[in-house]
Amino acid sequence: MIDVLAVVLNAAGGVYLLFLAIGAVKRPRVPPDMPPVDDYLVVVVTVGTEKVLPALGETVAQLRRLRLRYVVVSSRPLDTPNVLVVPKDQDGTKYKVVRWFVLNHARPDTWYIFLDDDSYPLDTKFLQDIAYYGARRYVAGNGIVIPRPGRSALAYALDWIKHFDDLTRFRLALEVLRRPIFGMHGELLII
């Protein structure tokens, strides 16, 4: 009985690893001449406390360097341009804040890229990716987050696990199966 169970579990693990490998090799083939979307807004979600202000400052500086349109959605008023303050009754979780933003500020003719206050895009290539997938009638997606070291070694290690997940499970679901069967990340959510 134990031998049969071990064989079944090994076979299931092998199939799972095969699916992960398929996801890892299925990379989007965005043509280099694809024009980027122009109807977008980067939305940076933050609690706005003193603890996160250095990371938020880096994120905003990078968005400005890349000349991206952005807004910061914060739990507290901030001394920075382009800030929307979430009403207290709508604050609490990232889900509630994003929901409040979508219900009160989102337009159907605009792509929204949601970022945490400690992450930012390295370049503007993702705007071409959005155009490519938008032309194929995708309505949502997740970008791939590349971890960067911070104050916590544990958080950095966990971010690498998430990166592996992005390159395997999530890519398999969104690229091959075209369904978010494993869910979607709130980080670098594109809708």
Protein backbone atom coordinates (compact mmCIF):
# COMPACT_ATOMS: atom_id res chain seq x y z
CA MET A 1 0.00 0.00 0.00
CA ILE A 2 2.81 2.42 0.91
CA ASP A 3 4.66 1.61 -2.34
CA VAL A 4 1.57 2.38 -4.42
CA LEU A 5 1.06 5.67 -2.59
CA ALA A 6 4.72 6.60 -3.13
CA VAL A 7 4.43 5.86 -6.86
CA VAL A 8 1.24 7.93 -7.15
CA LEU A 9 2.78 10.85 -5.26
CA ASN A 10 5.97 10.70 -7.34
CA ALA A 11 3.96 10.61 -10.57
CA ALA A 12 1.83 13.57 -9.43
CA GLY A 13 4.98 15.48 -8.48
CA GLY A 14 6.52 14.71 -11.87
CA VAL A 15 3.43 15.94 -13.71
CA TYR A 16 3.43 19.10 -11.60
CA LEU A 17 7.12 19.74 -12.38
CA LEU A 18 6.39 19.17 -16.09
CA PHE A 19 3.64 21.81 -15.94
CA LEU A 20 6.02 24.20 -14.19
CA ALA A 21 8.62 23.62 -16.91
CA ILE A 22 6.03 24.30 -19.63
CA GLY A 23 5.15 27.56 -17.89
CA ALA A 24 8.81 28.52 -17.60
CA VAL A 25 9.53 28.06 -21.30
CA LYS A 26 6.32 29.69 -22.52
CA ARG A 27 7.53 33.28 -22.78
CA PRO A 28 5.44 36.01 -24.34
CA ARG A 29 6.56 36.83 -27.88
CA VAL A 30 5.83 40.55 -28.04
CA PRO A 31 6.99 41.97 -31.39
CA PRO A 32 9.69 44.63 -30.87
CA ASP A 33 7.82 47.09 -33.10
CA MET A 34 4.61 46.85 -31.01
CA PRO A 35 3.65 50.41 -30.05
CA PRO A 36 3.19 50.92 -26.29
CA VAL A 37 -0.21 51.69 -24.81
CA ASP A 38 -0.86 55.34 -24.18
CA ASP A 39 -4.01 54.92 -22.09
CA TYR A 40 -2.51 53.79 -18.77
CA LEU A 41 -1.96 54.94 -15.21
CA VAL A 42 0.46 53.46 -12.68
CA VAL A 43 -1.21 53.30 -9.25
CA VAL A 44 1.14 53.06 -6.25
CA VAL A 45 -0.63 51.81 -3.12
CA THR A 46 0.88 52.77 0.25
CA VAL A 47 0.05 53.11 3.92
CA GLY A 48 2.09 56.30 3.88
CA THR A 49 3.84 55.84 7.24
CA GLU A 50 7.32 57.15 8.00
CA LYS A 51 8.66 53.61 7.75
CA VAL A 52 7.72 53.24 4.06
CA LEU A 53 8.53 56.78 2.88
CA PRO A 54 12.12 56.00 1.75
CA ALA A 55 10.94 53.11 -0.46
CA LEU A 56 8.00 55.18 -1.72
CA GLY A 57 10.42 57.98 -2.59
CA GLU A 58 12.53 55.56 -4.66
CA THR A 59 9.44 54.28 -6.45
CA VAL A 60 8.15 57.76 -7.29
CA ALA A 61 11.63 58.86 -8.44
CA GLN A 62 11.85 55.86 -10.80
CA LEU A 63 8.37 56.51 -12.20
CA ARG A 64 9.39 60.12 -12.87
CA ARG A 65 12.70 59.03 -14.47
CA LEU A 66 10.75 56.76 -16.81
CA ARG A 67 8.24 59.58 -17.44
CA LEU A 68 5.30 57.36 -16.52
CA ARG A 69 1.90 58.69 -15.53
CA TYR A 70 1.19 57.72 -11.94
CA VAL A 71 -0.87 58.39 -8.84
CA VAL A 72 -0.08 57.45 -5.23
CA VAL A 73 -3.06 56.09 -3.31
CA SER A 74 -2.28 56.54 0.38
CA SER A 75 -3.85 55.92 3.77
CA ARG A 76 -2.37 59.24 4.96
CA PRO A 77 -1.80 62.63 3.38
CA LEU A 78 1.70 62.90 1.90
CA ASP A 79 3.91 65.77 0.86
CA THR A 80 4.33 64.48 -2.68
CA PRO A 81 2.50 65.26 -5.92
CA ASN A 82 -0.27 63.08 -7.38
CA VAL A 83 -1.64 61.68 -4.11
CA LEU A 84 -5.17 60.42 -3.48
CA VAL A 85 -5.98 59.85 0.20
CA VAL A 86 -8.24 56.90 0.90
CA PRO A 87 -11.22 57.69 3.15
CA LYS A 88 -10.88 56.04 6.57
CA ASP A 89 -13.96 53.84 6.04
CA GLN A 90 -12.44 52.42 2.82
CA ASP A 91 -8.96 51.85 4.22
CA GLY A 92 -7.58 48.71 5.80
CA THR A 93 -6.44 46.12 3.31
CA LYS A 94 -4.84 46.48 -0.09
CA TYR A 95 -7.91 44.86 -1.62
CA LYS A 96 -10.22 47.49 -0.07
CA VAL A 97 -7.96 50.34 -1.22
CA VAL A 98 -7.72 49.04 -4.80
CA ARG A 99 -11.48 48.43 -4.83
CA TRP A 100 -12.09 52.00 -3.61
CA PHE A 101 -9.81 53.36 -6.33
CA VAL A 102 -11.46 51.30 -9.07
CA LEU A 103 -15.00 52.23 -7.99
CA ASN A 104 -14.24 55.94 -7.62
CA HIS A 105 -11.49 56.79 -10.10
CA ALA A 106 -11.04 54.08 -12.75
CA ARG A 107 -12.23 54.57 -16.32
CA PRO A 108 -13.05 51.75 -18.71
CA ASP A 109 -10.73 53.12 -21.42
CA THR A 110 -7.57 53.05 -19.27
CA TRP A 111 -5.15 50.31 -18.21
CA TYR A 112 -4.15 50.39 -14.53
CA ILE A 113 -0.88 48.99 -13.23
CA PHE A 114 -0.96 48.52 -9.45
CA LEU A 115 2.34 48.63 -7.56
CA ASP A 116 3.31 48.42 -3.91
CA ASP A 117 5.23 51.36 -2.45
CA ASP A 118 8.48 49.39 -2.50
CA SER A 119 8.54 48.28 -6.13
CA TYR A 120 8.82 49.89 -9.52
CA PRO A 121 9.32 48.99 -13.18
CA LEU A 122 12.89 48.84 -14.47
CA ASP A 123 11.88 50.16 -17.91
CA THR A 124 8.79 50.94 -19.98
CA LYS A 125 8.69 47.67 -21.96
CA PHE A 126 5.62 46.57 -20.00
CA LEU A 127 3.62 49.20 -21.91
CA GLN A 128 4.30 47.24 -25.12
CA ASP A 129 3.31 44.01 -23.34
CA ILE A 130 0.00 45.58 -22.30
CA ALA A 131 -0.67 46.68 -25.88
CA TYR A 132 0.13 43.19 -27.16
CA TYR A 133 -2.17 41.44 -24.71
CA GLY A 134 -4.85 44.10 -25.01
CA ALA A 135 -4.96 43.46 -28.77
CA ARG A 136 -5.65 39.81 -27.92
CA ARG A 137 -8.55 40.87 -25.67
CA TYR A 138 -6.89 40.10 -22.35
CA VAL A 139 -8.51 42.15 -19.59
CA ALA A 140 -6.05 41.53 -16.75
CA GLY A 141 -2.58 40.21 -16.07
CA ASN A 142 0.34 40.08 -13.73
CA GLY A 143 3.77 41.42 -14.46
CA ILE A 144 6.86 39.59 -13.27
CA VAL A 145 8.44 41.19 -10.22
CA ILE A 146 12.23 41.04 -9.94
CA PRO A 147 13.22 41.13 -6.26
CA ARG A 148 15.59 43.72 -4.88
CA PRO A 149 17.28 43.63 -1.50
CA GLY A 150 15.71 45.59 1.30
CA ARG A 151 16.02 45.67 5.06
CA SER A 152 14.70 42.14 5.52
CA ALA A 153 16.64 39.14 4.25
CA LEU A 154 13.56 36.97 4.82
CA ALA A 155 11.35 39.22 2.69
CA TYR A 156 14.01 39.21 -0.03
CA ALA A 157 14.15 35.38 0.00
CA LEU A 158 10.35 35.16 -0.14
CA ASP A 159 10.33 37.58 -3.08
CA TRP A 160 12.58 35.14 -4.99
CA ILE A 161 10.06 32.36 -4.33
CA LYS A 162 7.35 34.63 -5.70
CA HIS A 163 9.57 35.37 -8.72
CA PHE A 164 9.93 31.62 -9.38
CA ASP A 165 6.15 31.30 -9.04
CA ASP A 166 5.68 34.11 -11.59
CA LEU A 167 7.97 32.37 -14.09
CA THR A 168 6.34 28.96 -13.68
CA ARG A 169 2.83 28.51 -12.22
CA PHE A 170 1.43 31.93 -13.05
CA ARG A 171 2.96 31.98 -16.54
CA LEU A 172 1.56 28.49 -17.16
CA ALA A 173 -1.91 29.61 -16.10
CA LEU A 174 -1.95 32.96 -17.89
CA GLU A 175 0.08 32.11 -21.02
CA VAL A 176 -0.73 28.47 -21.71
CA LEU A 177 -4.13 27.89 -20.12
CA ARG A 178 -5.22 31.56 -20.46
CA ARG A 179 -7.01 31.36 -17.12
CA PRO A 180 -5.87 32.61 -13.69
CA ILE A 181 -6.44 29.19 -12.12
CA PHE A 182 -3.86 29.90 -9.40
CA GLY A 183 -5.24 33.38 -8.73
CA MET A 184 -3.37 36.61 -9.32
CA HIS A 185 -0.88 38.69 -7.34
CA GLY A 186 -1.86 42.12 -6.08
CA GLU A 187 1.69 43.25 -6.87
CA LEU A 188 2.08 44.42 -10.45
CA LEU A 189 -1.58 43.67 -11.15
CA ILE A 190 -2.63 45.01 -14.53
CA ILE A 191 -6.31 45.60 -15.28
